[in-house]
Amino acid sequence: MEEIKIIQKLESLKAIKPNNEWVNFAKREVISKQFDVESSTVLSNFVSTIYHAFETPKVLTPVLSGLIVAIFGFAIVTSQNTFPGEIQYSIKKAYR
């Protein structure tokens, strides 16, 4: 009988939800932590700057997606008139 009561109490814990203020505070604390990174690249610094410009990743996702599409689109368009030996020739071959 004791086990049934314990199980019922554990099941009732599923209904407990955290306070929204605490959730936002915890997210800001985790995001603001500095992690040790051996080598920092220009791209990671750029992404970090863009990420911190927005509060929520829901806003960041379309921005980065659009940026990636624009960069790849620009690379494909500019690689159309390249010849073997040029840097963008591999992009031209991969696209065709």
N, C-alpha and C. Protein backbone atom coordinates (compact mmCIF):
# COMPACT_ATOMS: atom_id res chain seq x y z
N MET A 1 0.83 -1.20 0.00
CA MET A 1 0.00 0.00 0.00
C MET A 1 0.87 1.25 0.00
N GLU A 2 1.99 1.18 0.64
CA GLU A 2 2.90 2.32 0.73
C GLU A 2 3.44 2.70 -0.65
N GLU A 3 3.70 1.70 -1.48
CA GLU A 3 4.23 1.95 -2.81
C GLU A 3 3.23 2.69 -3.69
N ILE A 4 1.96 2.38 -3.55
CA ILE A 4 0.92 3.03 -4.35
C ILE A 4 0.86 4.52 -4.00
N LYS A 5 0.98 4.86 -2.73
CA LYS A 5 0.95 6.27 -2.32
C LYS A 5 2.17 7.02 -2.86
N ILE A 6 3.31 6.36 -2.83
CA ILE A 6 4.53 7.00 -3.35
C ILE A 6 4.39 7.24 -4.86
N ILE A 7 3.87 6.26 -5.56
CA ILE A 7 3.67 6.41 -7.01
C ILE A 7 2.69 7.53 -7.31
N GLN A 8 1.62 7.63 -6.55
CA GLN A 8 0.64 8.69 -6.76
C GLN A 8 1.26 10.07 -6.50
N LYS A 9 2.08 10.17 -5.47
CA LYS A 9 2.74 11.45 -5.17
C LYS A 9 3.73 11.82 -6.28
N LEU A 10 4.46 10.82 -6.79
CA LEU A 10 5.38 11.08 -7.88
C LEU A 10 4.64 11.51 -9.15
N GLU A 11 3.51 10.90 -9.42
CA GLU A 11 2.71 11.27 -10.58
C GLU A 11 2.18 12.70 -10.45
N SER A 12 1.86 13.12 -9.23
CA SER A 12 1.35 14.48 -9.03
C SER A 12 2.44 15.53 -9.26
N LEU A 13 3.72 15.13 -9.16
CA LEU A 13 4.82 16.08 -9.40
C LEU A 13 4.91 16.49 -10.86
N LYS A 14 4.36 15.70 -11.78
CA LYS A 14 4.40 16.04 -13.20
C LYS A 14 3.63 17.32 -13.49
N ALA A 15 2.67 17.65 -12.67
CA ALA A 15 1.83 18.83 -12.90
C ALA A 15 2.53 20.13 -12.49
N ILE A 16 3.64 20.05 -11.78
CA ILE A 16 4.32 21.25 -11.31
C ILE A 16 5.08 21.88 -12.46
N LYS A 17 4.86 23.17 -12.69
CA LYS A 17 5.52 23.93 -13.75
C LYS A 17 6.39 25.01 -13.12
N PRO A 18 7.58 25.29 -13.69
CA PRO A 18 8.44 26.34 -13.14
C PRO A 18 7.87 27.73 -13.42
N ASN A 19 8.24 28.66 -12.58
CA ASN A 19 7.83 30.05 -12.73
C ASN A 19 8.51 30.63 -13.98
N ASN A 20 7.76 31.38 -14.80
CA ASN A 20 8.31 31.95 -16.04
C ASN A 20 9.47 32.90 -15.77
N GLU A 21 9.41 33.66 -14.70
CA GLU A 21 10.51 34.58 -14.37
C GLU A 21 11.79 33.79 -14.08
N TRP A 22 11.66 32.68 -13.37
CA TRP A 22 12.82 31.86 -13.07
C TRP A 22 13.40 31.25 -14.35
N VAL A 23 12.53 30.81 -15.26
CA VAL A 23 12.98 30.21 -16.51
C VAL A 23 13.78 31.23 -17.32
N ASN A 24 13.26 32.45 -17.45
CA ASN A 24 13.97 33.49 -18.20
C ASN A 24 15.29 33.84 -17.54
N PHE A 25 15.29 33.92 -16.22
CA PHE A 25 16.53 34.21 -15.49
C PHE A 25 17.57 33.12 -15.73
N ALA A 26 17.14 31.86 -15.65
CA ALA A 26 18.07 30.74 -15.84
C ALA A 26 18.62 30.72 -17.27
N LYS A 27 17.78 31.02 -18.26
CA LYS A 27 18.26 31.08 -19.64
C LYS A 27 19.31 32.16 -19.82
N ARG A 28 19.06 33.35 -19.26
CA ARG A 28 20.03 34.44 -19.37
C ARG A 28 21.34 34.09 -18.68
N GLU A 29 21.27 33.41 -17.56
CA GLU A 29 22.48 33.02 -16.83
C GLU A 29 23.30 32.03 -17.65
N VAL A 30 22.65 31.06 -18.25
CA VAL A 30 23.37 30.05 -19.03
C VAL A 30 23.99 30.69 -20.27
N ILE A 31 23.22 31.54 -20.95
CA ILE A 31 23.72 32.18 -22.18
C ILE A 31 24.88 33.11 -21.87
N SER A 32 24.85 33.78 -20.72
CA SER A 32 25.90 34.75 -20.41
C SER A 32 27.20 34.10 -19.93
N LYS A 33 27.19 32.81 -19.66
CA LYS A 33 28.41 32.13 -19.21
C LYS A 33 29.44 32.11 -20.32
N GLN A 34 30.67 32.32 -19.96
CA GLN A 34 31.76 32.24 -20.93
C GLN A 34 32.39 30.85 -20.81
N PHE A 35 32.47 30.15 -21.92
CA PHE A 35 33.05 28.83 -21.94
C PHE A 35 34.45 28.90 -22.54
N ASP A 36 35.32 28.08 -22.05
CA ASP A 36 36.69 28.04 -22.56
C ASP A 36 36.70 27.38 -23.93
N VAL A 37 37.19 28.11 -24.90
CA VAL A 37 37.30 27.60 -26.25
C VAL A 37 38.75 27.75 -26.67
N GLU A 38 39.34 26.69 -27.18
CA GLU A 38 40.75 26.72 -27.54
C GLU A 38 41.03 27.69 -28.68
N SER A 39 40.26 27.60 -29.74
CA SER A 39 40.49 28.52 -30.86
C SER A 39 39.17 29.17 -31.24
N SER A 40 39.22 30.46 -31.41
CA SER A 40 38.03 31.21 -31.76
C SER A 40 38.15 31.67 -33.21
N THR A 41 37.14 31.39 -34.00
CA THR A 41 37.18 31.76 -35.41
C THR A 41 36.32 32.99 -35.65
N VAL A 42 36.49 33.56 -36.81
CA VAL A 42 35.70 34.73 -37.18
C VAL A 42 34.23 34.36 -37.26
N LEU A 43 33.94 33.18 -37.81
CA LEU A 43 32.55 32.75 -37.94
C LEU A 43 31.89 32.55 -36.58
N SER A 44 32.60 31.94 -35.63
CA SER A 44 32.01 31.73 -34.31
C SER A 44 31.79 33.06 -33.60
N ASN A 45 32.69 34.01 -33.78
CA ASN A 45 32.49 35.34 -33.19
C ASN A 45 31.30 36.03 -33.82
N PHE A 46 31.13 35.89 -35.13
CA PHE A 46 30.00 36.49 -35.82
C PHE A 46 28.68 35.89 -35.33
N VAL A 47 28.62 34.56 -35.26
CA VAL A 47 27.41 33.88 -34.80
C VAL A 47 27.11 34.26 -33.36
N SER A 48 28.13 34.34 -32.53
CA SER A 48 27.95 34.72 -31.13
C SER A 48 27.38 36.14 -31.03
N THR A 49 27.89 37.04 -31.84
CA THR A 49 27.41 38.42 -31.82
C THR A 49 25.95 38.48 -32.26
N ILE A 50 25.62 37.77 -33.32
CA ILE A 50 24.23 37.76 -33.80
C ILE A 50 23.33 37.12 -32.76
N TYR A 51 23.80 36.04 -32.14
CA TYR A 51 22.99 35.34 -31.14
C TYR A 51 22.67 36.24 -29.95
N HIS A 52 23.66 37.00 -29.50
CA HIS A 52 23.43 37.87 -28.35
C HIS A 52 22.61 39.10 -28.72
N ALA A 53 22.49 39.40 -30.01
CA ALA A 53 21.69 40.54 -30.43
C ALA A 53 20.20 40.27 -30.23
N PHE A 54 19.83 39.01 -30.24
CA PHE A 54 18.43 38.63 -30.06
C PHE A 54 18.29 37.87 -28.74
N GLU A 55 17.15 38.03 -28.09
CA GLU A 55 16.95 37.36 -26.81
C GLU A 55 16.60 35.89 -26.97
N THR A 56 15.80 35.57 -27.96
CA THR A 56 15.34 34.18 -28.08
C THR A 56 15.84 33.55 -29.36
N PRO A 57 16.19 32.27 -29.33
CA PRO A 57 16.62 31.57 -30.54
C PRO A 57 15.53 31.48 -31.60
N LYS A 58 14.25 31.66 -31.21
CA LYS A 58 13.17 31.60 -32.19
C LYS A 58 13.31 32.73 -33.22
N VAL A 59 13.87 33.85 -32.81
CA VAL A 59 14.09 34.97 -33.72
C VAL A 59 15.38 34.75 -34.49
N LEU A 60 16.34 34.11 -33.88
CA LEU A 60 17.65 33.92 -34.50
C LEU A 60 17.62 32.93 -35.66
N THR A 61 16.82 31.92 -35.59
CA THR A 61 16.79 30.87 -36.59
C THR A 61 16.48 31.39 -38.00
N PRO A 62 15.43 32.17 -38.21
CA PRO A 62 15.18 32.66 -39.57
C PRO A 62 16.26 33.61 -40.07
N VAL A 63 16.85 34.38 -39.18
CA VAL A 63 17.90 35.31 -39.58
C VAL A 63 19.12 34.55 -40.08
N LEU A 64 19.57 33.57 -39.32
CA LEU A 64 20.73 32.78 -39.74
C LEU A 64 20.42 31.94 -40.98
N SER A 65 19.21 31.43 -41.06
CA SER A 65 18.83 30.65 -42.25
C SER A 65 18.88 31.52 -43.49
N GLY A 66 18.34 32.71 -43.41
CA GLY A 66 18.38 33.64 -44.53
C GLY A 66 19.79 34.03 -44.90
N LEU A 67 20.63 34.21 -43.90
CA LEU A 67 22.03 34.57 -44.14
C LEU A 67 22.76 33.43 -44.86
N ILE A 68 22.54 32.21 -44.42
CA ILE A 68 23.18 31.05 -45.04
C ILE A 68 22.72 30.90 -46.49
N VAL A 69 21.42 31.05 -46.73
CA VAL A 69 20.89 30.96 -48.10
C VAL A 69 21.50 32.04 -48.98
N ALA A 70 21.60 33.26 -48.45
CA ALA A 70 22.17 34.36 -49.22
C ALA A 70 23.63 34.11 -49.56
N ILE A 71 24.40 33.61 -48.60
CA ILE A 71 25.83 33.35 -48.84
C ILE A 71 26.01 32.26 -49.89
N PHE A 72 25.26 31.15 -49.75
CA PHE A 72 25.38 30.08 -50.73
C PHE A 72 24.86 30.51 -52.11
N GLY A 73 23.79 31.27 -52.13
CA GLY A 73 23.28 31.78 -53.40
C GLY A 73 24.29 32.68 -54.09
N PHE A 74 24.91 33.56 -53.33
CA PHE A 74 25.94 34.44 -53.88
C PHE A 74 27.12 33.63 -54.41
N ALA A 75 27.52 32.61 -53.67
CA ALA A 75 28.65 31.78 -54.10
C ALA A 75 28.32 31.03 -55.38
N ILE A 76 27.09 30.53 -55.51
CA ILE A 76 26.69 29.80 -56.71
C ILE A 76 26.63 30.74 -57.92
N VAL A 77 26.06 31.91 -57.72
CA VAL A 77 25.94 32.87 -58.83
C VAL A 77 27.31 33.33 -59.30
N THR A 78 28.20 33.63 -58.37
CA THR A 78 29.52 34.13 -58.77
C THR A 78 30.42 33.03 -59.32
N SER A 79 30.09 31.78 -59.08
CA SER A 79 30.95 30.69 -59.57
C SER A 79 30.60 30.24 -60.98
N GLN A 80 29.56 30.79 -61.58
CA GLN A 80 29.12 30.32 -62.89
C GLN A 80 30.13 30.61 -64.00
N ASN A 81 30.91 31.64 -63.90
CA ASN A 81 31.86 32.02 -64.95
C ASN A 81 33.30 31.73 -64.54
N THR A 82 33.52 30.67 -63.81
CA THR A 82 34.88 30.34 -63.35
C THR A 82 35.47 29.24 -64.21
N PHE A 83 36.79 29.11 -64.14
CA PHE A 83 37.53 28.12 -64.91
C PHE A 83 38.33 27.23 -63.96
N PRO A 84 38.76 26.04 -64.42
CA PRO A 84 39.55 25.16 -63.55
C PRO A 84 40.78 25.89 -63.00
N GLY A 85 41.03 25.69 -61.73
CA GLY A 85 42.16 26.32 -61.06
C GLY A 85 41.75 27.50 -60.20
N GLU A 86 40.55 28.02 -60.41
CA GLU A 86 40.06 29.12 -59.58
C GLU A 86 39.39 28.56 -58.33
N ILE A 87 39.33 29.37 -57.30
CA ILE A 87 38.81 28.92 -56.00
C ILE A 87 37.35 28.49 -56.10
N GLN A 88 36.53 29.24 -56.82
CA GLN A 88 35.10 28.96 -56.88
C GLN A 88 34.72 27.88 -57.90
N TYR A 89 35.69 27.33 -58.62
CA TYR A 89 35.39 26.31 -59.62
C TYR A 89 34.80 25.06 -58.98
N SER A 90 35.23 24.72 -57.78
CA SER A 90 34.67 23.53 -57.09
C SER A 90 33.20 23.73 -56.77
N ILE A 91 32.80 24.96 -56.47
CA ILE A 91 31.39 25.24 -56.21
C ILE A 91 30.58 25.04 -57.49
N LYS A 92 31.16 25.51 -58.62
CA LYS A 92 30.49 25.35 -59.91
C LYS A 92 30.30 23.87 -60.24
N LYS A 93 31.31 23.05 -60.02
CA LYS A 93 31.22 21.62 -60.30
C LYS A 93 30.23 20.94 -59.38
N ALA A 94 30.19 21.34 -58.12
CA ALA A 94 29.27 20.73 -57.16
C ALA A 94 27.83 21.09 -57.47
N TYR A 95 27.62 22.29 -57.97
CA TYR A 95 26.26 22.74 -58.27
C TYR A 95 25.69 22.07 -59.51
N ARG A 96 26.55 21.75 -60.48
CA ARG A 96 26.08 21.16 -61.74
C ARG A 96 26.02 19.70 -61.68
